[in-house]
Amino acid sequence: MTDPFDKDDSTQATAEADLSAEAASAADADLSAVARSADADLSAVARSAEAELRREKDALQDRLLRTAAEFDNYRKRVDRDRRDQADNAIADAIEDLLPIIDNLERALDAPAGPDSEGFRKGVELIHLQMMDLLKRRGVKPITPVGADFDPRFHHAVAQESSANHREGEVMEELRRGYMLGERVLRPAMVKVAKA
């Protein structure tokens, strides 16, 4: 008796092959879907990593620029401090010389006796050398007589009524003042007119 359910071997092999082909096709489709999904996931991860690296690069570049700017500012500040220190040292040395110049000028203003002509010429030479030294270093005397009183450049020690001068005009210089560039080394000691 033949079993209707018994198929011949070739039909069964064909059916099994069809099933295998369908299974392989389904497996290929699943594999392709998984590969596409994995590619999409990898692409998203790569884009995320690339964006993170770009942010990190931008942050490092910003830090580099800020550090370079800070260093440039530091260098400028050190240069400025160094110049200020040198200017202060020069100003201090010149200020120490000013009383000597004052004394030389007093000696020149003193009445000369008949025997003191050689001495006077020596003092004049020393005075000229000192004034030349100051001029070479950028020191200028303040000329206050006739100018309006300015407390930045003048130190008033006396006031006097005068019909020949306007109110606040410097009438007389009692001690010369000096400037080093734009800096006042010593204000001029003056007498000022009042109404």
C-alpha atoms as a PDB file:
ATOM      1  CA  MET A   1       0.000   0.000   0.000  1.00  0.00           C
ATOM      2  CA  THR A   2       1.296   3.339  -0.889  1.00  0.00           C
ATOM      3  CA  ASP A   3       1.050   6.125   1.522  1.00  0.00           C
ATOM      4  CA  PRO A   4      -0.348   9.237  -0.154  1.00  0.00           C
ATOM      5  CA  PHE A   5       1.718  11.205   2.209  1.00  0.00           C
ATOM      6  CA  ASP A   6       4.830   9.498   1.069  1.00  0.00           C
ATOM      7  CA  LYS A   7       6.278  11.555  -1.658  1.00  0.00           C
ATOM      8  CA  ASP A   8       8.933  10.455  -3.769  1.00  0.00           C
ATOM      9  CA  ASP A   9      12.396  11.333  -2.860  1.00  0.00           C
ATOM     10  CA  SER A  10      12.909  13.802  -5.649  1.00  0.00           C
ATOM     11  CA  THR A  11       9.826  15.770  -4.787  1.00  0.00           C
ATOM     12  CA  GLN A  12      10.794  15.779  -1.195  1.00  0.00           C
ATOM     13  CA  ALA A  13      14.328  16.915  -2.034  1.00  0.00           C
ATOM     14  CA  THR A  14      12.878  19.681  -4.201  1.00  0.00           C
ATOM     15  CA  ALA A  15      10.595  20.746  -1.430  1.00  0.00           C
ATOM     16  CA  GLU A  16      13.422  20.715   1.057  1.00  0.00           C
ATOM     17  CA  ALA A  17      15.547  22.736  -1.367  1.00  0.00           C
ATOM     18  CA  ASP A  18      12.711  25.227  -1.795  1.00  0.00           C
ATOM     19  CA  LEU A  19      12.400  25.462   1.969  1.00  0.00           C
ATOM     20  CA  SER A  20      16.152  25.875   2.295  1.00  0.00           C
ATOM     21  CA  ALA A  21      16.128  28.559  -0.412  1.00  0.00           C
ATOM     22  CA  GLU A  22      13.258  30.355   1.287  1.00  0.00           C
ATOM     23  CA  ALA A  23      15.017  30.090   4.640  1.00  0.00           C
ATOM     24  CA  ALA A  24      18.270  31.301   3.103  1.00  0.00           C
ATOM     25  CA  SER A  25      16.457  34.151   1.371  1.00  0.00           C
ATOM     26  CA  ALA A  26      14.713  35.066   4.614  1.00  0.00           C
ATOM     27  CA  ALA A  27      18.025  34.782   6.459  1.00  0.00           C
ATOM     28  CA  ASP A  28      19.691  36.961   3.808  1.00  0.00           C
ATOM     29  CA  ALA A  29      16.913  39.537   4.159  1.00  0.00           C
ATOM     30  CA  ASP A  30      17.249  39.449   7.948  1.00  0.00           C
ATOM     31  CA  LEU A  31      21.017  39.695   7.636  1.00  0.00           C
ATOM     32  CA  SER A  32      20.715  42.613   5.225  1.00  0.00           C
ATOM     33  CA  ALA A  33      18.304  44.346   7.591  1.00  0.00           C
ATOM     34  CA  VAL A  34      20.653  43.718  10.496  1.00  0.00           C
ATOM     35  CA  ALA A  35      23.604  44.979   8.410  1.00  0.00           C
ATOM     36  CA  ARG A  36      21.664  48.110   7.391  1.00  0.00           C
ATOM     37  CA  SER A  37      20.693  48.660  11.004  1.00  0.00           C
ATOM     38  CA  ALA A  38      24.308  48.096  12.117  1.00  0.00           C
ATOM     39  CA  ASP A  39      25.551  50.453   9.375  1.00  0.00           C
ATOM     40  CA  ALA A  40      23.033  53.068  10.498  1.00  0.00           C
ATOM     41  CA  ASP A  41      24.069  52.586  14.127  1.00  0.00           C
ATOM     42  CA  LEU A  42      27.769  52.757  13.205  1.00  0.00           C
ATOM     43  CA  SER A  43      27.143  55.820  11.061  1.00  0.00           C
ATOM     44  CA  ALA A  44      25.295  57.514  13.941  1.00  0.00           C
ATOM     45  CA  VAL A  45      28.107  56.564  16.354  1.00  0.00           C
ATOM     46  CA  ALA A  46      30.716  57.837  13.871  1.00  0.00           C
ATOM     47  CA  ARG A  47      28.839  61.124  13.421  1.00  0.00           C
ATOM     48  CA  SER A  48      28.495  61.475  17.178  1.00  0.00           C
ATOM     49  CA  ALA A  49      32.206  60.732  17.694  1.00  0.00           C
ATOM     50  CA  GLU A  50      33.129  63.146  14.898  1.00  0.00           C
ATOM     51  CA  ALA A  51      30.962  65.882  16.448  1.00  0.00           C
ATOM     52  CA  GLU A  52      32.527  65.229  19.859  1.00  0.00           C
ATOM     53  CA  LEU A  53      36.049  65.401  18.373  1.00  0.00           C
ATOM     54  CA  ARG A  54      35.153  68.640  16.577  1.00  0.00           C
ATOM     55  CA  ARG A  55      33.868  70.171  19.855  1.00  0.00           C
ATOM     56  CA  GLU A  56      37.027  69.031  21.655  1.00  0.00           C
ATOM     57  CA  LYS A  57      39.230  70.468  18.868  1.00  0.00           C
ATOM     58  CA  ASP A  58      37.338  73.796  19.007  1.00  0.00           C
ATOM     59  CA  ALA A  59      37.685  73.933  22.794  1.00  0.00           C
ATOM     60  CA  LEU A  60      41.428  73.227  22.588  1.00  0.00           C
ATOM     61  CA  GLN A  61      41.880  75.812  19.850  1.00  0.00           C
ATOM     62  CA  ASP A  62      39.991  78.379  21.960  1.00  0.00           C
ATOM     63  CA  ARG A  63      42.219  77.552  24.945  1.00  0.00           C
ATOM     64  CA  LEU A  64      45.315  77.947  22.787  1.00  0.00           C
ATOM     65  CA  LEU A  65      44.185  81.361  21.527  1.00  0.00           C
ATOM     66  CA  ARG A  66      43.339  82.525  25.048  1.00  0.00           C
ATOM     67  CA  THR A  67      46.683  81.302  26.399  1.00  0.00           C
ATOM     68  CA  ALA A  68      48.532  83.068  23.561  1.00  0.00           C
ATOM     69  CA  ALA A  69      46.626  86.298  24.294  1.00  0.00           C
ATOM     70  CA  GLU A  70      47.338  86.016  28.024  1.00  0.00           C
ATOM     71  CA  PHE A  71      51.034  85.467  27.330  1.00  0.00           C
ATOM     72  CA  ASP A  72      51.135  88.479  24.986  1.00  0.00           C
ATOM     73  CA  ASN A  73      49.471  90.642  27.669  1.00  0.00           C
ATOM     74  CA  TYR A  74      51.934  89.323  30.268  1.00  0.00           C
ATOM     75  CA  ARG A  75      54.901  90.141  27.997  1.00  0.00           C
ATOM     76  CA  LYS A  76      53.590  93.675  27.408  1.00  0.00           C
ATOM     77  CA  ARG A  77      53.002  94.192  31.137  1.00  0.00           C
ATOM     78  CA  VAL A  78      56.536  93.003  31.980  1.00  0.00           C
ATOM     79  CA  ASP A  79      58.021  95.306  29.317  1.00  0.00           C
ATOM     80  CA  ARG A  80      55.989  98.249  30.642  1.00  0.00           C
ATOM     81  CA  ASP A  81      57.003  97.477  34.242  1.00  0.00           C
ATOM     82  CA  ARG A  82      60.646  97.217  33.191  1.00  0.00           C
ATOM     83  CA  ARG A  83      60.487 100.603  31.415  1.00  0.00           C
ATOM     84  CA  ASP A  84      58.719 102.182  34.398  1.00  0.00           C
ATOM     85  CA  GLN A  85      61.348 100.786  36.749  1.00  0.00           C
ATOM     86  CA  ALA A  86      64.174 102.191  34.603  1.00  0.00           C
ATOM     87  CA  ASP A  87      62.406 105.569  34.346  1.00  0.00           C
ATOM     88  CA  ASN A  88      61.922 105.643  38.123  1.00  0.00           C
ATOM     89  CA  ALA A  89      65.591 104.831  38.724  1.00  0.00           C
ATOM     90  CA  ILE A  90      66.664 107.659  36.398  1.00  0.00           C
ATOM     91  CA  ALA A  91      64.190 110.060  37.983  1.00  0.00           C
ATOM     92  CA  ASP A  92      65.422 109.187  41.480  1.00  0.00           C
ATOM     93  CA  ALA A  93      69.058 109.763  40.476  1.00  0.00           C
ATOM     94  CA  ILE A  94      68.237 113.102  38.849  1.00  0.00           C
ATOM     95  CA  GLU A  95      66.181 114.218  41.844  1.00  0.00           C
ATOM     96  CA  ASP A  96      69.251 113.593  43.999  1.00  0.00           C
ATOM     97  CA  LEU A  97      71.254 115.919  41.708  1.00  0.00           C
ATOM     98  CA  LEU A  98      68.786 118.823  41.865  1.00  0.00           C
ATOM     99  CA  PRO A  99      69.893 120.167  45.294  1.00  0.00           C
ATOM    100  CA  ILE A 100      73.492 120.214  44.010  1.00  0.00           C
ATOM    101  CA  ILE A 101      72.381 122.283  41.015  1.00  0.00           C
ATOM    102  CA  ASP A 102      70.466 124.600  43.354  1.00  0.00           C
ATOM    103  CA  ASN A 103      73.650 125.169  45.384  1.00  0.00           C
ATOM    104  CA  LEU A 104      75.680 125.827  42.229  1.00  0.00           C
ATOM    105  CA  GLU A 105      73.116 128.415  41.139  1.00  0.00           C
ATOM    106  CA  ARG A 106      73.223 130.062  44.566  1.00  0.00           C
ATOM    107  CA  ALA A 107      77.015 130.227  44.331  1.00  0.00           C
ATOM    108  CA  LEU A 108      76.702 131.876  40.921  1.00  0.00           C
ATOM    109  CA  ASP A 109      74.128 134.370  42.239  1.00  0.00           C
ATOM    110  CA  ALA A 110      76.369 135.371  45.168  1.00  0.00           C
ATOM    111  CA  PRO A 111      78.351 138.579  44.709  1.00  0.00           C
ATOM    112  CA  ALA A 112      81.830 137.851  43.456  1.00  0.00           C
ATOM    113  CA  GLY A 113      84.871 139.406  45.066  1.00  0.00           C
ATOM    114  CA  PRO A 114      87.938 140.524  43.117  1.00  0.00           C
ATOM    115  CA  ASP A 115      89.873 137.358  44.022  1.00  0.00           C
ATOM    116  CA  SER A 116      87.116 134.893  43.186  1.00  0.00           C
ATOM    117  CA  GLU A 117      86.966 135.173  39.378  1.00  0.00           C
ATOM    118  CA  GLY A 118      88.751 131.833  38.803  1.00  0.00           C
ATOM    119  CA  PHE A 119      86.560 130.133  41.374  1.00  0.00           C
ATOM    120  CA  ARG A 120      83.434 131.583  39.728  1.00  0.00           C
ATOM    121  CA  LYS A 121      84.471 130.308  36.297  1.00  0.00           C
ATOM    122  CA  GLY A 122      84.976 126.819  37.728  1.00  0.00           C
ATOM    123  CA  VAL A 123      81.520 126.847  39.303  1.00  0.00           C
ATOM    124  CA  GLU A 124      80.031 128.087  36.000  1.00  0.00           C
ATOM    125  CA  LEU A 125      81.682 125.210  34.131  1.00  0.00           C
ATOM    126  CA  ILE A 126      80.380 122.646  36.630  1.00  0.00           C
ATOM    127  CA  HIS A 127      76.913 124.193  36.416  1.00  0.00           C
ATOM    128  CA  LEU A 128      76.971 124.068  32.600  1.00  0.00           C
ATOM    129  CA  GLN A 129      78.086 120.441  32.641  1.00  0.00           C
ATOM    130  CA  MET A 130      75.300 119.514  35.057  1.00  0.00           C
ATOM    131  CA  MET A 131      72.668 121.333  32.988  1.00  0.00           C
ATOM    132  CA  ASP A 132      73.972 119.645  29.811  1.00  0.00           C
ATOM    133  CA  LEU A 133      73.752 116.252  31.536  1.00  0.00           C
ATOM    134  CA  LEU A 134      70.156 116.929  32.541  1.00  0.00           C
ATOM    135  CA  LYS A 135      69.277 118.070  29.020  1.00  0.00           C
ATOM    136  CA  ARG A 136      70.761 114.882  27.491  1.00  0.00           C
ATOM    137  CA  ARG A 137      68.657 112.804  29.887  1.00  0.00           C
ATOM    138  CA  GLY A 138      65.467 114.588  28.826  1.00  0.00           C
ATOM    139  CA  VAL A 139      65.156 116.859  31.862  1.00  0.00           C
ATOM    140  CA  LYS A 140      63.720 120.318  31.200  1.00  0.00           C
ATOM    141  CA  PRO A 141      63.358 123.203  33.641  1.00  0.00           C
ATOM    142  CA  ILE A 142      59.854 124.488  34.308  1.00  0.00           C
ATOM    143  CA  THR A 143      59.557 128.177  33.399  1.00  0.00           C
ATOM    144  CA  PRO A 144      56.751 129.459  35.605  1.00  0.00           C
ATOM    145  CA  VAL A 145      57.175 133.259  35.640  1.00  0.00           C
ATOM    146  CA  GLY A 146      54.277 134.901  33.801  1.00  0.00           C
ATOM    147  CA  ALA A 147      52.238 131.702  33.604  1.00  0.00           C
ATOM    148  CA  ASP A 148      49.019 131.057  35.503  1.00  0.00           C
ATOM    149  CA  PHE A 149      49.504 129.093  38.695  1.00  0.00           C
ATOM    150  CA  ASP A 150      49.076 125.349  38.059  1.00  0.00           C
ATOM    151  CA  PRO A 151      49.382 123.071  41.107  1.00  0.00           C
ATOM    152  CA  ARG A 152      50.647 120.230  38.885  1.00  0.00           C
ATOM    153  CA  PHE A 153      53.797 122.243  38.041  1.00  0.00           C
ATOM    154  CA  HIS A 154      54.025 124.937  40.732  1.00  0.00           C
ATOM    155  CA  HIS A 155      54.301 124.944  44.505  1.00  0.00           C
ATOM    156  CA  ALA A 156      53.082 128.289  45.851  1.00  0.00           C
ATOM    157  CA  VAL A 157      54.913 129.389  49.002  1.00  0.00           C
ATOM    158  CA  ALA A 158      53.867 133.033  48.991  1.00  0.00           C
ATOM    159  CA  GLN A 159      51.164 135.353  47.664  1.00  0.00           C
ATOM    160  CA  GLU A 160      51.604 139.032  47.100  1.00  0.00           C
ATOM    161  CA  SER A 161      49.320 141.827  45.913  1.00  0.00           C
ATOM    162  CA  SER A 162      50.460 143.348  42.657  1.00  0.00           C
ATOM    163  CA  ALA A 163      48.946 145.859  40.253  1.00  0.00           C
ATOM    164  CA  ASN A 164      51.295 144.688  37.468  1.00  0.00           C
ATOM    165  CA  HIS A 165      50.172 141.022  37.509  1.00  0.00           C
ATOM    166  CA  ARG A 166      46.802 139.322  37.063  1.00  0.00           C
ATOM    167  CA  GLU A 167      45.165 137.212  39.766  1.00  0.00           C
ATOM    168  CA  GLY A 168      46.882 133.787  40.004  1.00  0.00           C
ATOM    169  CA  GLU A 169      49.855 134.742  37.829  1.00  0.00           C
ATOM    170  CA  VAL A 170      53.270 133.485  38.914  1.00  0.00           C
ATOM    171  CA  MET A 171      55.313 136.575  39.828  1.00  0.00           C
ATOM    172  CA  GLU A 172      58.607 135.057  40.885  1.00  0.00           C
ATOM    173  CA  GLU A 173      60.407 131.737  40.865  1.00  0.00           C
ATOM    174  CA  LEU A 174      61.984 130.950  44.233  1.00  0.00           C
ATOM    175  CA  ARG A 175      63.327 127.513  43.303  1.00  0.00           C
ATOM    176  CA  ARG A 176      63.434 126.029  39.816  1.00  0.00           C
ATOM    177  CA  GLY A 177      61.243 123.031  39.019  1.00  0.00           C
ATOM    178  CA  TYR A 178      62.126 120.262  36.583  1.00  0.00           C
ATOM    179  CA  MET A 179      60.328 117.761  34.369  1.00  0.00           C
ATOM    180  CA  LEU A 180      61.534 114.452  32.954  1.00  0.00           C
ATOM    181  CA  GLY A 181      59.500 114.026  29.786  1.00  0.00           C
ATOM    182  CA  GLU A 182      55.902 114.495  30.945  1.00  0.00           C
ATOM    183  CA  ARG A 183      56.691 113.649  34.577  1.00  0.00           C
ATOM    184  CA  VAL A 184      57.252 116.404  37.143  1.00  0.00           C
ATOM    185  CA  LEU A 185      60.435 115.662  39.053  1.00  0.00           C
ATOM    186  CA  ARG A 186      60.058 118.675  41.288  1.00  0.00           C
ATOM    187  CA  PRO A 187      57.483 121.475  41.053  1.00  0.00           C
ATOM    188  CA  ALA A 188      58.753 125.038  40.820  1.00  0.00           C
ATOM    189  CA  MET A 189      58.566 126.909  44.119  1.00  0.00           C
ATOM    190  CA  VAL A 190      56.830 130.216  43.274  1.00  0.00           C
ATOM    191  CA  LYS A 191      55.301 133.451  44.513  1.00  0.00           C
ATOM    192  CA  VAL A 192      51.792 134.086  43.144  1.00  0.00           C
ATOM    193  CA  ALA A 193      49.960 137.380  42.571  1.00  0.00           C
ATOM    194  CA  LYS A 194      46.647 138.055  44.299  1.00  0.00           C
ATOM    195  CA  ALA A 195      44.130 140.788  43.657  1.00  0.00           C
END
